[in-house]
Amino acid sequence: MKRSLLVCLAIGALASSAAMAANSELELAKAKNCLACHSVANKVVGPAYKDVAAKYAGQKDAENKLVQKVMKGGSGVWGAVPMPANTQVNETEARTLVRWILSLK
């Protein structure tokens, strides 16, 4: 009985920790104005983050490629509207955001 209670508590703590991490990454996206053009689940001006995750799933170079797109901008992948460089985001923040985006299902 005690063992199953401990297992349940551990699972709850891990789930809570994962939710808090995702929330902090969403807050970072808000703070860096990413949500002016993107959302997690729906296309706004740019693609939904879940669509980005699906498109790049399994690609070995996806993280580095997307970090560069966040920092330097890009065009032609999601339509006619180019993604401008986000000069508010440093490389560490870009990598944090990209890892979070790629983890979305």
PDB file of N, CA and C in Angstrom:
ATOM      1  N   MET A   1       0.819  -1.191   0.000  1.00  0.00           N
ATOM      2  CA  MET A   1       0.000   0.000   0.000  1.00  0.00           C
ATOM      3  C   MET A   1       0.863   1.254   0.000  1.00  0.00           C
ATOM      4  N   LYS A   2       1.867   1.274   0.912  1.00  0.00           N
ATOM      5  CA  LYS A   2       2.747   2.438   0.975  1.00  0.00           C
ATOM      6  C   LYS A   2       3.526   2.605  -0.326  1.00  0.00           C
ATOM      7  N   ARG A   3       3.938   1.470  -0.879  1.00  0.00           N
ATOM      8  CA  ARG A   3       4.728   1.526  -2.108  1.00  0.00           C
ATOM      9  C   ARG A   3       3.900   2.112  -3.255  1.00  0.00           C
ATOM     10  N   SER A   4       2.657   1.682  -3.403  1.00  0.00           N
ATOM     11  CA  SER A   4       1.815   2.205  -4.481  1.00  0.00           C
ATOM     12  C   SER A   4       1.508   3.681  -4.261  1.00  0.00           C
ATOM     13  N   LEU A   5       1.380   4.103  -3.013  1.00  0.00           N
ATOM     14  CA  LEU A   5       1.171   5.518  -2.722  1.00  0.00           C
ATOM     15  C   LEU A   5       2.397   6.328  -3.134  1.00  0.00           C
ATOM     16  N   LEU A   6       3.581   5.810  -2.829  1.00  0.00           N
ATOM     17  CA  LEU A   6       4.813   6.494  -3.217  1.00  0.00           C
ATOM     18  C   LEU A   6       4.940   6.589  -4.738  1.00  0.00           C
ATOM     19  N   VAL A   7       4.581   5.523  -5.433  1.00  0.00           N
ATOM     20  CA  VAL A   7       4.626   5.534  -6.895  1.00  0.00           C
ATOM     21  C   VAL A   7       3.669   6.591  -7.439  1.00  0.00           C
ATOM     22  N   CYS A   8       2.461   6.648  -6.895  1.00  0.00           N
ATOM     23  CA  CYS A   8       1.477   7.652  -7.338  1.00  0.00           C
ATOM     24  C   CYS A   8       1.977   9.065  -7.078  1.00  0.00           C
ATOM     25  N   LEU A   9       2.574   9.279  -5.908  1.00  0.00           N
ATOM     26  CA  LEU A   9       3.118  10.598  -5.592  1.00  0.00           C
ATOM     27  C   LEU A   9       4.255  10.967  -6.540  1.00  0.00           C
ATOM     28  N   ALA A  10       5.112  10.022  -6.852  1.00  0.00           N
ATOM     29  CA  ALA A  10       6.223  10.281  -7.769  1.00  0.00           C
ATOM     30  C   ALA A  10       5.713  10.619  -9.162  1.00  0.00           C
ATOM     31  N   ILE A  11       4.725   9.886  -9.638  1.00  0.00           N
ATOM     32  CA  ILE A  11       4.149  10.158 -10.959  1.00  0.00           C
ATOM     33  C   ILE A  11       3.510  11.538 -10.974  1.00  0.00           C
ATOM     34  N   GLY A  12       2.792  11.871  -9.916  1.00  0.00           N
ATOM     35  CA  GLY A  12       2.170  13.188  -9.823  1.00  0.00           C
ATOM     36  C   GLY A  12       3.198  14.305  -9.823  1.00  0.00           C
ATOM     37  N   ALA A  13       4.290  14.112  -9.103  1.00  0.00           N
ATOM     38  CA  ALA A  13       5.345  15.123  -9.057  1.00  0.00           C
ATOM     39  C   ALA A  13       5.991  15.305 -10.420  1.00  0.00           C
ATOM     40  N   LEU A  14       6.242  14.209 -11.120  1.00  0.00           N
ATOM     41  CA  LEU A  14       6.832  14.306 -12.455  1.00  0.00           C
ATOM     42  C   LEU A  14       5.894  15.000 -13.427  1.00  0.00           C
ATOM     43  N   ALA A  15       4.628  14.675 -13.382  1.00  0.00           N
ATOM     44  CA  ALA A  15       3.655  15.310 -14.272  1.00  0.00           C
ATOM     45  C   ALA A  15       3.556  16.794 -13.974  1.00  0.00           C
ATOM     46  N   SER A  16       3.562  17.150 -12.711  1.00  0.00           N
ATOM     47  CA  SER A  16       3.499  18.556 -12.320  1.00  0.00           C
ATOM     48  C   SER A  16       4.745  19.295 -12.783  1.00  0.00           C
ATOM     49  N   SER A  17       5.897  18.666 -12.650  1.00  0.00           N
ATOM     50  CA  SER A  17       7.157  19.265 -13.085  1.00  0.00           C
ATOM     51  C   SER A  17       7.166  19.490 -14.591  1.00  0.00           C
ATOM     52  N   ALA A  18       6.680  18.526 -15.358  1.00  0.00           N
ATOM     53  CA  ALA A  18       6.625  18.665 -16.817  1.00  0.00           C
ATOM     54  C   ALA A  18       5.672  19.779 -17.213  1.00  0.00           C
ATOM     55  N   ALA A  19       4.546  19.884 -16.530  1.00  0.00           N
ATOM     56  CA  ALA A  19       3.586  20.948 -16.837  1.00  0.00           C
ATOM     57  C   ALA A  19       4.178  22.310 -16.514  1.00  0.00           C
ATOM     58  N   MET A  20       4.912  22.417 -15.410  1.00  0.00           N
ATOM     59  CA  MET A  20       5.537  23.689 -15.054  1.00  0.00           C
ATOM     60  C   MET A  20       6.592  24.070 -16.075  1.00  0.00           C
ATOM     61  N   ALA A  21       7.368  23.102 -16.563  1.00  0.00           N
ATOM     62  CA  ALA A  21       8.391  23.383 -17.567  1.00  0.00           C
ATOM     63  C   ALA A  21       7.748  23.874 -18.851  1.00  0.00           C
ATOM     64  N   ALA A  22       6.686  23.210 -19.293  1.00  0.00           N
ATOM     65  CA  ALA A  22       5.994  23.636 -20.508  1.00  0.00           C
ATOM     66  C   ALA A  22       5.417  25.024 -20.330  1.00  0.00           C
ATOM     67  N   ASN A  23       4.911  25.320 -19.137  1.00  0.00           N
ATOM     68  CA  ASN A  23       4.354  26.635 -18.870  1.00  0.00           C
ATOM     69  C   ASN A  23       5.444  27.700 -18.937  1.00  0.00           C
ATOM     70  N   SER A  24       6.648  27.413 -18.413  1.00  0.00           N
ATOM     71  CA  SER A  24       7.725  28.401 -18.460  1.00  0.00           C
ATOM     72  C   SER A  24       8.186  28.634 -19.897  1.00  0.00           C
ATOM     73  N   GLU A  25       8.156  27.611 -20.722  1.00  0.00           N
ATOM     74  CA  GLU A  25       8.530  27.776 -22.126  1.00  0.00           C
ATOM     75  C   GLU A  25       7.471  28.573 -22.880  1.00  0.00           C
ATOM     76  N   LEU A  26       6.208  28.355 -22.560  1.00  0.00           N
ATOM     77  CA  LEU A  26       5.140  29.150 -23.152  1.00  0.00           C
ATOM     78  C   LEU A  26       5.276  30.610 -22.721  1.00  0.00           C
ATOM     79  N   GLU A  27       5.628  30.835 -21.469  1.00  0.00           N
ATOM     80  CA  GLU A  27       5.847  32.203 -20.982  1.00  0.00           C
ATOM     81  C   GLU A  27       7.025  32.854 -21.699  1.00  0.00           C
ATOM     82  N   LEU A  28       8.082  32.082 -21.977  1.00  0.00           N
ATOM     83  CA  LEU A  28       9.215  32.607 -22.738  1.00  0.00           C
ATOM     84  C   LEU A  28       8.769  32.993 -24.141  1.00  0.00           C
ATOM     85  N   ALA A  29       7.966  32.153 -24.769  1.00  0.00           N
ATOM     86  CA  ALA A  29       7.445  32.465 -26.106  1.00  0.00           C
ATOM     87  C   ALA A  29       6.616  33.747 -26.078  1.00  0.00           C
ATOM     88  N   LYS A  30       5.820  33.918 -25.032  1.00  0.00           N
ATOM     89  CA  LYS A  30       5.036  35.155 -24.894  1.00  0.00           C
ATOM     90  C   LYS A  30       5.952  36.352 -24.716  1.00  0.00           C
ATOM     91  N   ALA A  31       6.944  36.221 -23.838  1.00  0.00           N
ATOM     92  CA  ALA A  31       7.847  37.331 -23.534  1.00  0.00           C
ATOM     93  C   ALA A  31       8.655  37.769 -24.752  1.00  0.00           C
ATOM     94  N   LYS A  32       8.955  36.843 -25.639  1.00  0.00           N
ATOM     95  CA  LYS A  32       9.765  37.154 -26.820  1.00  0.00           C
ATOM     96  C   LYS A  32       8.905  37.446 -28.049  1.00  0.00           C
ATOM     97  N   ASN A  33       7.604  37.618 -27.841  1.00  0.00           N
ATOM     98  CA  ASN A  33       6.641  37.979 -28.898  1.00  0.00           C
ATOM     99  C   ASN A  33       6.466  36.925 -29.981  1.00  0.00           C
ATOM    100  N   CYS A  34       6.802  35.690 -29.691  1.00  0.00           N
ATOM    101  CA  CYS A  34       6.608  34.611 -30.662  1.00  0.00           C
ATOM    102  C   CYS A  34       5.122  34.384 -30.941  1.00  0.00           C
ATOM    103  N   LEU A  35       4.295  34.620 -29.908  1.00  0.00           N
ATOM    104  CA  LEU A  35       2.868  34.337 -30.038  1.00  0.00           C
ATOM    105  C   LEU A  35       2.128  35.410 -30.828  1.00  0.00           C
ATOM    106  N   ALA A  36       2.837  36.428 -31.287  1.00  0.00           N
ATOM    107  CA  ALA A  36       2.223  37.400 -32.197  1.00  0.00           C
ATOM    108  C   ALA A  36       1.928  36.734 -33.541  1.00  0.00           C
ATOM    109  N   CYS A  37       2.719  35.725 -33.899  1.00  0.00           N
ATOM    110  CA  CYS A  37       2.558  35.052 -35.194  1.00  0.00           C
ATOM    111  C   CYS A  37       2.256  33.559 -35.080  1.00  0.00           C
ATOM    112  N   HIS A  38       2.490  32.961 -33.929  1.00  0.00           N
ATOM    113  CA  HIS A  38       2.326  31.519 -33.753  1.00  0.00           C
ATOM    114  C   HIS A  38       1.425  31.223 -32.564  1.00  0.00           C
ATOM    115  N   SER A  39       0.862  30.021 -32.552  1.00  0.00           N
ATOM    116  CA  SER A  39       0.190  29.482 -31.366  1.00  0.00           C
ATOM    117  C   SER A  39       0.559  28.006 -31.284  1.00  0.00           C
ATOM    118  N   VAL A  40       0.222  27.385 -30.193  1.00  0.00           N
ATOM    119  CA  VAL A  40       0.570  25.977 -30.025  1.00  0.00           C
ATOM    120  C   VAL A  40      -0.194  25.103 -31.010  1.00  0.00           C
ATOM    121  N   ALA A  41      -1.496  25.326 -31.146  1.00  0.00           N
ATOM    122  CA  ALA A  41      -2.326  24.383 -31.898  1.00  0.00           C
ATOM    123  C   ALA A  41      -2.907  24.903 -33.205  1.00  0.00           C
ATOM    124  N   ASN A  42      -2.917  26.216 -33.416  1.00  0.00           N
ATOM    125  CA  ASN A  42      -3.575  26.769 -34.606  1.00  0.00           C
ATOM    126  C   ASN A  42      -2.665  27.707 -35.381  1.00  0.00           C
ATOM    127  N   LYS A  43      -2.791  27.677 -36.700  1.00  0.00           N
ATOM    128  CA  LYS A  43      -2.047  28.602 -37.554  1.00  0.00           C
ATOM    129  C   LYS A  43      -2.544  30.013 -37.280  1.00  0.00           C
ATOM    130  N   VAL A  44      -1.637  30.946 -37.127  1.00  0.00           N
ATOM    131  CA  VAL A  44      -1.974  32.361 -36.990  1.00  0.00           C
ATOM    132  C   VAL A  44      -1.417  33.003 -38.250  1.00  0.00           C
ATOM    133  N   VAL A  45      -0.330  33.753 -38.161  1.00  0.00           N
ATOM    134  CA  VAL A  45       0.391  34.224 -39.346  1.00  0.00           C
ATOM    135  C   VAL A  45       1.354  33.128 -39.783  1.00  0.00           C
ATOM    136  N   GLY A  46       2.058  32.585 -38.797  1.00  0.00           N
ATOM    137  CA  GLY A  46       2.960  31.469 -39.035  1.00  0.00           C
ATOM    138  C   GLY A  46       2.304  30.168 -38.609  1.00  0.00           C
ATOM    139  N   PRO A  47       2.990  29.068 -38.814  1.00  0.00           N
ATOM    140  CA  PRO A  47       2.410  27.756 -38.505  1.00  0.00           C
ATOM    141  C   PRO A  47       2.236  27.535 -37.002  1.00  0.00           C
ATOM    142  N   ALA A  48       1.314  26.651 -36.663  1.00  0.00           N
ATOM    143  CA  ALA A  48       1.150  26.221 -35.274  1.00  0.00           C
ATOM    144  C   ALA A  48       2.394  25.442 -34.855  1.00  0.00           C
ATOM    145  N   TYR A  49       2.765  25.570 -33.601  1.00  0.00           N
ATOM    146  CA  TYR A  49       3.940  24.854 -33.112  1.00  0.00           C
ATOM    147  C   TYR A  49       3.792  23.342 -33.263  1.00  0.00           C
ATOM    148  N   LYS A  50       2.585  22.820 -33.085  1.00  0.00           N
ATOM    149  CA  LYS A  50       2.378  21.377 -33.255  1.00  0.00           C
ATOM    150  C   LYS A  50       2.618  20.960 -34.703  1.00  0.00           C
ATOM    151  N   ASP A  51       2.289  21.824 -35.654  1.00  0.00           N
ATOM    152  CA  ASP A  51       2.557  21.524 -37.064  1.00  0.00           C
ATOM    153  C   ASP A  51       4.056  21.535 -37.347  1.00  0.00           C
ATOM    154  N   VAL A  52       4.770  22.458 -36.718  1.00  0.00           N
ATOM    155  CA  VAL A  52       6.233  22.500 -36.864  1.00  0.00           C
ATOM    156  C   VAL A  52       6.831  21.214 -36.302  1.00  0.00           C
ATOM    157  N   ALA A  53       6.367  20.807 -35.122  1.00  0.00           N
ATOM    158  CA  ALA A  53       6.873  19.574 -34.502  1.00  0.00           C
ATOM    159  C   ALA A  53       6.626  18.369 -35.402  1.00  0.00           C
ATOM    160  N   ALA A  54       5.443  18.304 -36.004  1.00  0.00           N
ATOM    161  CA  ALA A  54       5.118  17.174 -36.887  1.00  0.00           C
ATOM    162  C   ALA A  54       5.987  17.183 -38.139  1.00  0.00           C
ATOM    163  N   LYS A  55       6.192  18.355 -38.721  1.00  0.00           N
ATOM    164  CA  LYS A  55       6.979  18.462 -39.955  1.00  0.00           C
ATOM    165  C   LYS A  55       8.438  18.043 -39.736  1.00  0.00           C
ATOM    166  N   TYR A  56       8.996  18.405 -38.594  1.00  0.00           N
ATOM    167  CA  TYR A  56      10.413  18.154 -38.345  1.00  0.00           C
ATOM    168  C   TYR A  56      10.670  16.911 -37.492  1.00  0.00           C
ATOM    169  N   ALA A  57       9.637  16.165 -37.153  1.00  0.00           N
ATOM    170  CA  ALA A  57       9.795  14.961 -36.322  1.00  0.00           C
ATOM    171  C   ALA A  57      10.767  13.986 -36.979  1.00  0.00           C
ATOM    172  N   GLY A  58      11.738  13.538 -36.195  1.00  0.00           N
ATOM    173  CA  GLY A  58      12.685  12.541 -36.678  1.00  0.00           C
ATOM    174  C   GLY A  58      13.840  13.077 -37.506  1.00  0.00           C
ATOM    175  N   GLN A  59      13.852  14.363 -37.805  1.00  0.00           N
ATOM    176  CA  GLN A  59      14.965  14.928 -38.577  1.00  0.00           C
ATOM    177  C   GLN A  59      16.120  15.250 -37.628  1.00  0.00           C
ATOM    178  N   LYS A  60      17.280  14.699 -37.919  1.00  0.00           N
ATOM    179  CA  LYS A  60      18.429  14.850 -37.033  1.00  0.00           C
ATOM    180  C   LYS A  60      18.882  16.298 -36.884  1.00  0.00           C
ATOM    181  N   ASP A  61      18.793  17.081 -37.930  1.00  0.00           N
ATOM    182  CA  ASP A  61      19.283  18.458 -37.889  1.00  0.00           C
ATOM    183  C   ASP A  61      18.190  19.474 -37.564  1.00  0.00           C
ATOM    184  N   ALA A  62      17.012  19.005 -37.191  1.00  0.00           N
ATOM    185  CA  ALA A  62      15.863  19.898 -36.980  1.00  0.00           C
ATOM    186  C   ALA A  62      16.137  20.958 -35.922  1.00  0.00           C
ATOM    187  N   GLU A  63      16.689  20.558 -34.793  1.00  0.00           N
ATOM    188  CA  GLU A  63      16.903  21.526 -33.715  1.00  0.00           C
ATOM    189  C   GLU A  63      17.802  22.670 -34.166  1.00  0.00           C
ATOM    190  N   ASN A  64      18.957  22.350 -34.730  1.00  0.00           N
ATOM    191  CA  ASN A  64      19.880  23.402 -35.159  1.00  0.00           C
ATOM    192  C   ASN A  64      19.295  24.252 -36.279  1.00  0.00           C
ATOM    193  N   LYS A  65      18.613  23.615 -37.216  1.00  0.00           N
ATOM    194  CA  LYS A  65      17.989  24.338 -38.324  1.00  0.00           C
ATOM    195  C   LYS A  65      16.958  25.344 -37.802  1.00  0.00           C
ATOM    196  N   LEU A  66      16.124  24.906 -36.872  1.00  0.00           N
ATOM    197  CA  LEU A  66      15.072  25.780 -36.355  1.00  0.00           C
ATOM    198  C   LEU A  66      15.621  26.872 -35.443  1.00  0.00           C
ATOM    199  N   VAL A  67      16.670  26.584 -34.697  1.00  0.00           N
ATOM    200  CA  VAL A  67      17.313  27.627 -33.885  1.00  0.00           C
ATOM    201  C   VAL A  67      17.787  28.751 -34.801  1.00  0.00           C
ATOM    202  N   GLN A  68      18.394  28.393 -35.923  1.00  0.00           N
ATOM    203  CA  GLN A  68      18.853  29.412 -36.870  1.00  0.00           C
ATOM    204  C   GLN A  68      17.683  30.191 -37.464  1.00  0.00           C
ATOM    205  N   LYS A  69      16.575  29.516 -37.757  1.00  0.00           N
ATOM    206  CA  LYS A  69      15.397  30.209 -38.298  1.00  0.00           C
ATOM    207  C   LYS A  69      14.824  31.195 -37.290  1.00  0.00           C
ATOM    208  N   VAL A  70      14.810  30.817 -36.018  1.00  0.00           N
ATOM    209  CA  VAL A  70      14.319  31.735 -34.986  1.00  0.00           C
ATOM    210  C   VAL A  70      15.213  32.969 -34.935  1.00  0.00           C
ATOM    211  N   MET A  71      16.510  32.764 -34.956  1.00  0.00           N
ATOM    212  CA  MET A  71      17.447  33.870 -34.783  1.00  0.00           C
ATOM    213  C   MET A  71      17.648  34.703 -36.046  1.00  0.00           C
ATOM    214  N   LYS A  72      17.646  34.057 -37.214  1.00  0.00           N
ATOM    215  CA  LYS A  72      17.977  34.758 -38.460  1.00  0.00           C
ATOM    216  C   LYS A  72      16.796  34.928 -39.404  1.00  0.00           C
ATOM    217  N   GLY A  73      15.683  34.257 -39.121  1.00  0.00           N
ATOM    218  CA  GLY A  73      14.520  34.325 -39.996  1.00  0.00           C
ATOM    219  C   GLY A  73      14.601  33.281 -41.094  1.00  0.00           C
ATOM    220  N   GLY A  74      13.567  33.226 -41.907  1.00  0.00           N
ATOM    221  CA  GLY A  74      13.528  32.264 -42.995  1.00  0.00           C
ATOM    222  C   GLY A  74      12.303  32.495 -43.854  1.00  0.00           C
ATOM    223  N   SER A  75      12.256  31.803 -44.980  1.00  0.00           N
ATOM    224  CA  SER A  75      11.099  31.948 -45.869  1.00  0.00           C
ATOM    225  C   SER A  75      10.957  30.721 -46.749  1.00  0.00           C
ATOM    226  N   GLY A  76       9.749  30.579 -47.320  1.00  0.00           N
ATOM    227  CA  GLY A  76       9.504  29.554 -48.308  1.00  0.00           C
ATOM    228  C   GLY A  76       9.104  28.191 -47.797  1.00  0.00           C
ATOM    229  N   VAL A  77       9.124  27.975 -46.498  1.00  0.00           N
ATOM    230  CA  VAL A  77       8.804  26.659 -45.964  1.00  0.00           C
ATOM    231  C   VAL A  77       7.311  26.527 -45.672  1.00  0.00           C
ATOM    232  N   TRP A  78       6.698  27.588 -45.187  1.00  0.00           N
ATOM    233  CA  TRP A  78       5.297  27.557 -44.758  1.00  0.00           C
ATOM    234  C   TRP A  78       4.416  28.495 -45.571  1.00  0.00           C
ATOM    235  N   GLY A  79       4.853  28.891 -46.723  1.00  0.00           N
ATOM    236  CA  GLY A  79       4.045  29.788 -47.539  1.00  0.00           C
ATOM    237  C   GLY A  79       4.794  31.061 -47.876  1.00  0.00           C
ATOM    238  N   ALA A  80       4.050  32.033 -48.350  1.00  0.00           N
ATOM    239  CA  ALA A  80       4.657  33.257 -48.873  1.00  0.00           C
ATOM    240  C   ALA A  80       5.139  34.223 -47.794  1.00  0.00           C
ATOM    241  N   VAL A  81       4.570  34.159 -46.596  1.00  0.00           N
ATOM    242  CA  VAL A  81       4.936  35.117 -45.554  1.00  0.00           C
ATOM    243  C   VAL A  81       6.245  34.678 -44.898  1.00  0.00           C
ATOM    244  N   PRO A  82       7.298  35.498 -44.982  1.00  0.00           N
ATOM    245  CA  PRO A  82       8.575  35.123 -44.372  1.00  0.00           C
ATOM    246  C   PRO A  82       8.535  35.277 -42.851  1.00  0.00           C
ATOM    247  N   MET A  83       9.367  34.512 -42.190  1.00  0.00           N
ATOM    248  CA  MET A  83       9.533  34.670 -40.745  1.00  0.00           C
ATOM    249  C   MET A  83      10.703  35.616 -40.523  1.00  0.00           C
ATOM    250  N   PRO A  84      10.464  36.747 -39.862  1.00  0.00           N
ATOM    251  CA  PRO A  84      11.570  37.666 -39.606  1.00  0.00           C
ATOM    252  C   PRO A  84      12.485  37.131 -38.504  1.00  0.00           C
ATOM    253  N   ALA A  85      13.707  37.591 -38.495  1.00  0.00           N
ATOM    254  CA  ALA A  85      14.624  37.244 -37.411  1.00  0.00           C
ATOM    255  C   ALA A  85      14.064  37.794 -36.105  1.00  0.00           C
ATOM    256  N   ASN A  86      14.198  37.043 -35.034  1.00  0.00           N
ATOM    257  CA  ASN A  86      13.771  37.529 -33.725  1.00  0.00           C
ATOM    258  C   ASN A  86      15.015  37.959 -32.965  1.00  0.00           C
ATOM    259  N   THR A  87      15.303  39.245 -33.013  1.00  0.00           N
ATOM    260  CA  THR A  87      16.515  39.783 -32.393  1.00  0.00           C
ATOM    261  C   THR A  87      16.415  39.848 -30.873  1.00  0.00           C
ATOM    262  N   GLN A  88      15.230  39.584 -30.324  1.00  0.00           N
ATOM    263  CA  GLN A  88      15.052  39.578 -28.866  1.00  0.00           C
ATOM    264  C   GLN A  88      15.510  38.265 -28.242  1.00  0.00           C
ATOM    265  N   VAL A  89      15.743  37.257 -29.069  1.00  0.00           N
ATOM    266  CA  VAL A  89      16.023  35.905 -28.584  1.00  0.00           C
ATOM    267  C   VAL A  89      17.506  35.588 -28.754  1.00  0.00           C
ATOM    268  N   ASN A  90      18.159  35.188 -27.656  1.00  0.00           N
ATOM    269  CA  ASN A  90      19.547  34.739 -27.786  1.00  0.00           C
ATOM    270  C   ASN A  90      19.554  33.247 -28.126  1.00  0.00           C
ATOM    271  N   GLU A  91      20.719  32.696 -28.384  1.00  0.00           N
ATOM    272  CA  GLU A  91      20.791  31.306 -28.844  1.00  0.00           C
ATOM    273  C   GLU A  91      20.271  30.312 -27.804  1.00  0.00           C
ATOM    274  N   THR A  92      20.570  30.542 -26.542  1.00  0.00           N
ATOM    275  CA  THR A  92      20.090  29.643 -25.489  1.00  0.00           C
ATOM    276  C   THR A  92      18.569  29.654 -25.421  1.00  0.00           C
ATOM    277  N   GLU A  93      17.978  30.836 -25.498  1.00  0.00           N
ATOM    278  CA  GLU A  93      16.516  30.940 -25.478  1.00  0.00           C
ATOM    279  C   GLU A  93      15.908  30.293 -26.718  1.00  0.00           C
ATOM    280  N   ALA A  94      16.525  30.523 -27.872  1.00  0.00           N
ATOM    281  CA  ALA A  94      16.026  29.922 -29.114  1.00  0.00           C
ATOM    282  C   ALA A  94      16.060  28.403 -29.013  1.00  0.00           C
ATOM    283  N   ARG A  95      17.134  27.866 -28.473  1.00  0.00           N
ATOM    284  CA  ARG A  95      17.255  26.411 -28.332  1.00  0.00           C
ATOM    285  C   ARG A  95      16.203  25.874 -27.357  1.00  0.00           C
ATOM    286  N   THR A  96      15.970  26.579 -26.262  1.00  0.00           N
ATOM    287  CA  THR A  96      14.934  26.183 -25.301  1.00  0.00           C
ATOM    288  C   THR A  96      13.569  26.149 -25.975  1.00  0.00           C
ATOM    289  N   LEU A  97      13.252  27.200 -26.722  1.00  0.00           N
ATOM    290  CA  LEU A  97      11.967  27.268 -27.420  1.00  0.00           C
ATOM    291  C   LEU A  97      11.833  26.160 -28.455  1.00  0.00           C
ATOM    292  N   VAL A  98      12.872  25.939 -29.231  1.00  0.00           N
ATOM    293  CA  VAL A  98      12.824  24.922 -30.285  1.00  0.00           C
ATOM    294  C   VAL A  98      12.678  23.525 -29.686  1.00  0.00           C
ATOM    295  N   ARG A  99      13.396  23.232 -28.629  1.00  0.00           N
ATOM    296  CA  ARG A  99      13.258  21.912 -27.985  1.00  0.00           C
ATOM    297  C   ARG A  99      11.833  21.705 -27.489  1.00  0.00           C
ATOM    298  N   TRP A 100      11.255  22.753 -26.922  1.00  0.00           N
ATOM    299  CA  TRP A 100       9.869  22.662 -26.454  1.00  0.00           C
ATOM    300  C   TRP A 100       8.927  22.436 -27.631  1.00  0.00           C
ATOM    301  N   ILE A 101       9.093  23.221 -28.687  1.00  0.00           N
ATOM    302  CA  ILE A 101       8.225  23.086 -29.862  1.00  0.00           C
ATOM    303  C   ILE A 101       8.324  21.673 -30.435  1.00  0.00           C
ATOM    304  N   LEU A 102       9.536  21.166 -30.576  1.00  0.00           N
ATOM    305  CA  LEU A 102       9.719  19.829 -31.144  1.00  0.00           C
ATOM    306  C   LEU A 102       9.168  18.724 -30.241  1.00  0.00           C
ATOM    307  N   SER A 103       8.978  19.015 -28.967  1.00  0.00           N
ATOM    308  CA  SER A 103       8.430  18.011 -28.044  1.00  0.00           C
ATOM    309  C   SER A 103       6.906  17.931 -28.101  1.00  0.00           C
ATOM    310  N   LEU A 104       6.272  18.892 -28.757  1.00  0.00           N
ATOM    311  CA  LEU A 104       4.807  18.927 -28.798  1.00  0.00           C
ATOM    312  C   LEU A 104       4.264  17.835 -29.702  1.00  0.00           C
ATOM    313  N   LYS A 105       3.135  17.285 -29.333  1.00  0.00           N
ATOM    314  CA  LYS A 105       2.478  16.234 -30.127  1.00  0.00           C
ATOM    315  C   LYS A 105       1.133  16.727 -30.587  1.00  0.00           C
TER     316      LYS A 105
END
